[in-house]
Amino acid sequence: MQRVLLMAAGLFCFMAVYSQQQKTLTLAGKVTDAQTGEPLFGANVYIADARIGAMTNAQGEYHFKNIPAGHHILEISFSGFTTTVLHIDVADSGTKDFALAPAVREQQGITITGVAQATNVRNSPVPVSIMRKADMLQTPATNIIDLLSRQPGVSQISTGPAVSKPVIRGLSFNRVVVINDGVRQEGQQWGEEHGIEIDELSVARAEVLKGPASLIYGSDALGGVVNFITNTPVPVGTIRGSILANLQTNNNLAAINGNIAG
């Protein structure tokens, strides 16, 4: 009986310590135009290391729940404005407002590929190219790898309009790692008829690391890493959905994707 009581007490203490370590907080604020002070509706606020994002409402307000305490890197972006990257330490729940300056050309922001934690692209030790959803929709391509082959240092091995393998600086197959939302996709490493096994229309952001990254991703990442991210932030308390279709009369290819988030 005493042994059972001791085990129960130990388990209770462990759960108490674990809950202290897993303390979660809230963060809210407003995103405005630095020149006019007007709220920016639809601005994205992304916490890269926690892989969570939010979108501002009509009043320019965003809200995060269940943020782990500690150091985080925030990326605040809006079309036509300079992307802002900030390092913050979250110890308690609070508010943080941001003001974005208009810009003709957007900065690339932050990357989570090939680094121990999210960092500014300019501080990355290896070259990383980033392509966002807006750029993908404006670039004609037969598939997602054909789309990325427009980036410097990236090409493809194609065995048809729908099957393409990434080639980074001359290396491909099992010398290039492909990741989709943190999960390795190894189908493209084998036969020539095997392409990227992901839902291409769901990709919101693609990061291409050009160069060795074996210390983080293993020996397969000798040539580089292709990282696909599908996170679509929406304002708190709302549910949004979208449907994206693609029809290519040249190769008789068709695709449709449905997405819901909230």
Protein backbone atom coordinates (compact mmCIF):
# COMPACT_ATOMS: atom_id res chain seq x y z
CA MET A 1 0.00 0.00 0.00
CA GLN A 2 2.82 2.38 0.89
CA ARG A 3 4.50 1.63 -2.41
CA VAL A 4 1.31 2.52 -4.29
CA LEU A 5 0.99 5.78 -2.36
CA LEU A 6 4.62 6.66 -3.07
CA MET A 7 4.14 5.97 -6.76
CA ALA A 8 1.00 8.11 -6.84
CA ALA A 9 2.77 10.97 -5.06
CA GLY A 10 5.70 10.74 -7.47
CA LEU A 11 3.38 10.76 -10.45
CA PHE A 12 1.57 13.81 -9.07
CA CYS A 13 4.85 15.69 -8.59
CA PHE A 14 5.97 14.76 -12.11
CA MET A 15 2.72 16.03 -13.63
CA ALA A 16 2.98 19.26 -11.64
CA VAL A 17 6.54 19.89 -12.87
CA TYR A 18 5.59 18.95 -16.45
CA SER A 19 2.64 21.34 -16.45
CA GLN A 20 4.92 24.13 -15.23
CA GLN A 21 7.34 23.46 -18.08
CA GLN A 22 4.51 23.35 -20.64
CA LYS A 23 3.11 26.72 -19.60
CA THR A 24 1.20 28.28 -22.48
CA LEU A 25 0.39 31.96 -22.93
CA THR A 26 -1.65 34.28 -25.14
CA LEU A 27 -0.41 37.06 -27.40
CA ALA A 28 -2.56 39.67 -29.11
CA GLY A 29 -2.08 42.98 -30.84
CA LYS A 30 -2.72 45.11 -33.89
CA VAL A 31 -1.03 45.54 -37.28
CA THR A 32 -1.25 49.00 -38.86
CA ASP A 33 0.12 51.07 -41.73
CA ALA A 34 3.19 52.94 -40.42
CA GLN A 35 2.35 56.03 -42.52
CA THR A 36 -1.39 56.40 -42.06
CA GLY A 37 -2.03 54.40 -38.90
CA GLU A 38 -4.86 52.54 -40.63
CA PRO A 39 -5.38 48.88 -39.62
CA LEU A 40 -4.25 46.26 -42.15
CA PHE A 41 -6.91 43.64 -42.77
CA GLY A 42 -5.54 40.22 -43.78
CA ALA A 43 -1.95 40.70 -42.59
CA ASN A 44 -0.17 37.48 -41.62
CA VAL A 45 1.55 37.05 -38.25
CA TYR A 46 3.60 33.86 -38.18
CA ILE A 47 5.58 32.29 -35.32
CA ALA A 48 7.97 30.10 -37.28
CA ASP A 49 9.53 28.03 -34.49
CA ALA A 50 6.10 27.15 -33.06
CA ARG A 51 4.65 26.68 -36.58
CA ILE A 52 1.50 28.65 -35.80
CA GLY A 53 0.08 31.67 -37.55
CA ALA A 54 -2.76 34.17 -37.40
CA MET A 55 -4.43 36.61 -39.77
CA THR A 56 -5.66 40.06 -38.76
CA ASN A 57 -9.36 40.89 -38.82
CA ALA A 58 -11.05 44.02 -40.18
CA GLN A 59 -9.73 46.02 -37.23
CA GLY A 60 -6.17 44.83 -37.87
CA GLU A 61 -6.20 42.70 -34.73
CA TYR A 62 -4.59 39.28 -34.31
CA HIS A 63 -4.72 36.82 -31.43
CA PHE A 64 -2.68 33.76 -30.45
CA LYS A 65 -3.60 31.16 -27.87
CA ASN A 66 -1.45 28.46 -26.28
CA ILE A 67 1.94 29.95 -27.16
CA PRO A 68 4.84 28.19 -25.40
CA ALA A 69 6.78 30.47 -23.08
CA GLY A 70 10.27 31.39 -24.25
CA HIS A 71 12.04 33.02 -27.16
CA HIS A 72 10.21 33.27 -30.50
CA ILE A 73 10.73 34.80 -33.93
CA LEU A 74 7.73 36.58 -35.47
CA GLU A 75 7.25 37.34 -39.15
CA ILE A 76 4.65 39.99 -39.98
CA SER A 77 3.84 40.31 -43.68
CA PHE A 78 1.28 42.00 -45.89
CA SER A 79 1.19 42.44 -49.66
CA GLY A 80 2.75 45.75 -50.67
CA PHE A 81 4.47 46.27 -47.31
CA THR A 82 7.93 45.47 -45.97
CA THR A 83 8.03 42.15 -44.15
CA THR A 84 9.05 42.63 -40.52
CA VAL A 85 10.97 40.02 -38.53
CA LEU A 86 11.23 40.43 -34.75
CA HIS A 87 12.73 38.43 -31.90
CA ILE A 88 10.58 38.45 -28.77
CA ASP A 89 10.74 36.77 -25.36
CA VAL A 90 7.33 35.64 -24.13
CA ALA A 91 7.20 35.19 -20.36
CA ASP A 92 3.62 36.32 -19.70
CA SER A 93 0.47 36.88 -21.69
CA GLY A 94 0.37 40.34 -23.25
CA THR A 95 -0.04 42.50 -26.35
CA LYS A 96 2.32 43.50 -29.14
CA ASP A 97 1.47 45.96 -31.93
CA PHE A 98 3.24 46.20 -35.28
CA ALA A 99 3.46 48.95 -37.89
CA LEU A 100 4.45 47.99 -41.44
CA ALA A 101 6.00 50.41 -43.90
CA PRO A 102 4.90 50.37 -47.57
CA ALA A 103 7.47 48.84 -49.92
CA VAL A 104 7.73 48.23 -53.64
CA ARG A 105 9.49 44.89 -53.13
CA GLU A 106 8.87 42.59 -50.18
CA GLN A 107 11.73 41.10 -48.19
CA GLN A 108 11.92 37.33 -47.96
CA GLY A 109 11.40 37.20 -44.19
CA ILE A 110 12.39 34.15 -42.17
CA THR A 111 13.24 30.53 -42.88
CA ILE A 112 12.96 27.32 -40.86
CA THR A 113 14.92 25.13 -43.29
CA GLY A 114 18.52 24.11 -42.55
CA VAL A 115 18.75 25.92 -39.21
CA ALA A 116 18.36 24.78 -35.61
CA GLN A 117 15.65 27.40 -35.09
CA ALA A 118 13.80 29.92 -37.25
CA THR A 119 16.00 32.77 -38.41
CA ASN A 120 16.13 35.67 -40.86
CA VAL A 121 17.01 34.61 -44.41
CA ARG A 122 19.95 37.01 -44.40
CA ASN A 123 21.37 35.29 -41.31
CA SER A 124 21.07 31.77 -42.71
CA PRO A 125 24.49 30.11 -43.13
CA VAL A 126 23.40 28.49 -46.41
CA PRO A 127 21.50 30.00 -49.36
CA VAL A 128 17.72 29.53 -49.13
CA SER A 129 15.13 30.49 -51.75
CA ILE A 130 11.54 31.11 -50.63
CA MET A 131 8.46 31.03 -52.84
CA ARG A 132 5.06 32.02 -51.46
CA LYS A 133 1.56 31.15 -52.65
CA ALA A 134 1.08 34.44 -54.51
CA ASP A 135 4.24 33.84 -56.55
CA MET A 136 3.21 30.25 -57.27
CA LEU A 137 -0.16 31.29 -58.67
CA GLN A 138 1.51 33.83 -60.97
CA THR A 139 4.07 31.39 -62.39
CA PRO A 140 2.92 28.89 -65.05
CA ALA A 141 4.15 25.34 -64.41
CA THR A 142 3.02 21.75 -64.93
CA ASN A 143 3.80 20.70 -61.34
CA ILE A 144 5.34 21.98 -58.11
CA ILE A 145 8.90 20.91 -58.97
CA ASP A 146 8.62 22.49 -62.42
CA LEU A 147 7.61 25.65 -60.54
CA LEU A 148 10.64 25.54 -58.24
CA SER A 149 12.99 24.93 -61.17
CA ARG A 150 12.61 28.64 -61.97
CA GLN A 151 14.78 29.34 -58.90
CA PRO A 152 18.54 29.80 -59.41
CA GLY A 153 20.49 26.58 -58.83
CA VAL A 154 17.38 24.38 -59.07
CA SER A 155 16.41 22.22 -62.04
CA GLN A 156 14.37 19.06 -62.59
CA ILE A 157 14.38 15.55 -64.06
CA SER A 158 11.05 15.05 -65.79
CA THR A 159 9.52 11.89 -67.21
CA GLY A 160 6.25 13.48 -68.23
CA PRO A 161 4.10 16.50 -67.43
CA ALA A 162 3.18 15.30 -63.93
CA VAL A 163 6.36 13.51 -62.75
CA SER A 164 9.37 15.65 -61.86
CA LYS A 165 12.25 15.25 -59.42
CA PRO A 166 14.14 18.18 -57.88
CA VAL A 167 17.78 18.70 -58.84
CA ILE A 168 19.80 21.06 -56.67
CA ARG A 169 23.18 22.05 -58.02
CA GLY A 170 23.44 18.83 -60.04
CA LEU A 171 22.38 16.42 -57.26
CA SER A 172 19.02 14.65 -57.08
CA PHE A 173 17.27 11.38 -56.13
CA ASN A 174 18.56 10.22 -52.70
CA ARG A 175 20.86 13.24 -52.44
CA VAL A 176 17.97 15.69 -51.99
CA VAL A 177 15.58 15.58 -49.02
CA VAL A 178 11.92 16.56 -49.52
CA ILE A 179 9.86 17.55 -46.47
CA ASN A 180 6.13 18.29 -46.28
CA ASP A 181 5.05 19.94 -42.99
CA GLY A 182 7.93 18.29 -41.14
CA VAL A 183 7.39 14.81 -42.64
CA ARG A 184 10.01 13.35 -45.00
CA GLN A 185 8.73 12.32 -48.43
CA GLU A 186 11.04 9.68 -49.87
CA GLY A 187 9.04 8.41 -52.85
CA GLN A 188 10.93 10.60 -55.30
CA GLN A 189 14.28 9.09 -54.28
CA TRP A 190 13.74 5.81 -56.08
CA GLY A 191 12.59 4.96 -59.61
CA GLU A 192 12.34 7.46 -62.42
CA GLU A 193 8.55 7.19 -62.49
CA HIS A 194 8.19 8.30 -58.87
CA GLY A 195 7.53 12.00 -58.30
CA ILE A 196 6.80 14.16 -55.26
CA GLU A 197 3.99 12.55 -53.26
CA ILE A 198 2.26 15.65 -51.86
CA ASP A 199 -0.86 17.70 -52.54
CA GLU A 200 0.71 20.42 -54.68
CA LEU A 201 -2.26 22.80 -54.50
CA SER A 202 -2.17 22.83 -50.69
CA VAL A 203 1.36 24.28 -50.54
CA ALA A 204 1.36 27.82 -49.12
CA ARG A 205 5.13 28.26 -49.03
CA ALA A 206 8.17 26.44 -50.36
CA GLU A 207 11.74 26.79 -49.12
CA VAL A 208 14.69 25.41 -51.09
CA LEU A 209 18.01 25.01 -49.29
CA LYS A 210 20.91 24.82 -51.72
CA GLY A 211 23.85 22.95 -50.26
CA PRO A 212 24.73 20.23 -47.74
CA ALA A 213 22.48 19.96 -44.68
CA SER A 214 23.38 16.45 -43.48
CA LEU A 215 23.94 17.48 -39.86
CA ILE A 216 20.23 18.30 -39.53
CA TYR A 217 18.52 16.10 -42.13
CA GLY A 218 20.85 13.09 -42.44
CA SER A 219 23.18 11.84 -45.17
CA ASP A 220 20.47 12.13 -47.85
CA ALA A 221 20.65 15.93 -47.68
CA LEU A 222 24.01 16.14 -49.43
CA GLY A 223 22.60 18.22 -52.29
CA GLY A 224 19.97 20.21 -50.42
CA VAL A 225 16.47 20.28 -48.97
CA VAL A 226 13.04 21.15 -50.38
CA ASN A 227 10.63 22.08 -47.59
CA PHE A 228 6.88 22.48 -48.29
CA ILE A 229 4.68 24.29 -45.75
CA THR A 230 0.87 24.27 -45.91
CA ASN A 231 -0.05 26.34 -42.82
CA THR A 232 -2.87 28.82 -43.62
CA PRO A 233 -3.53 31.25 -40.72
CA VAL A 234 -7.02 32.68 -40.13
CA PRO A 235 -8.38 35.14 -37.54
CA VAL A 236 -9.29 33.65 -34.17
CA GLY A 237 -12.95 32.72 -33.85
CA THR A 238 -13.50 32.31 -37.58
CA ILE A 239 -13.57 29.40 -40.00
CA ARG A 240 -12.49 29.89 -43.59
CA GLY A 241 -12.35 27.60 -46.56
CA SER A 242 -11.03 27.79 -50.08
CA ILE A 243 -11.18 25.79 -53.28
CA LEU A 244 -8.39 25.92 -55.84
CA ALA A 245 -8.60 24.22 -59.22
CA ASN A 246 -6.09 23.83 -62.03
CA LEU A 247 -6.75 22.87 -65.65
CA GLN A 248 -4.01 22.55 -68.27
CA THR A 249 -5.32 22.00 -71.79
CA ASN A 250 -1.80 21.45 -73.16
CA ASN A 251 -1.29 18.18 -71.27
CA ASN A 252 -4.89 17.49 -70.29
CA LEU A 253 -4.00 17.81 -66.59
CA ALA A 254 -6.60 18.74 -63.99
CA ALA A 255 -6.46 19.14 -60.21
CA ILE A 256 -8.70 20.43 -57.44
CA ASN A 257 -7.98 21.18 -53.79
CA GLY A 258 -10.27 22.07 -50.88
CA ASN A 259 -8.95 23.64 -47.69
CA ILE A 260 -10.66 24.59 -44.42
CA ALA A 261 -9.06 26.19 -41.36
CA GLY A 262 -10.27 27.70 -38.13
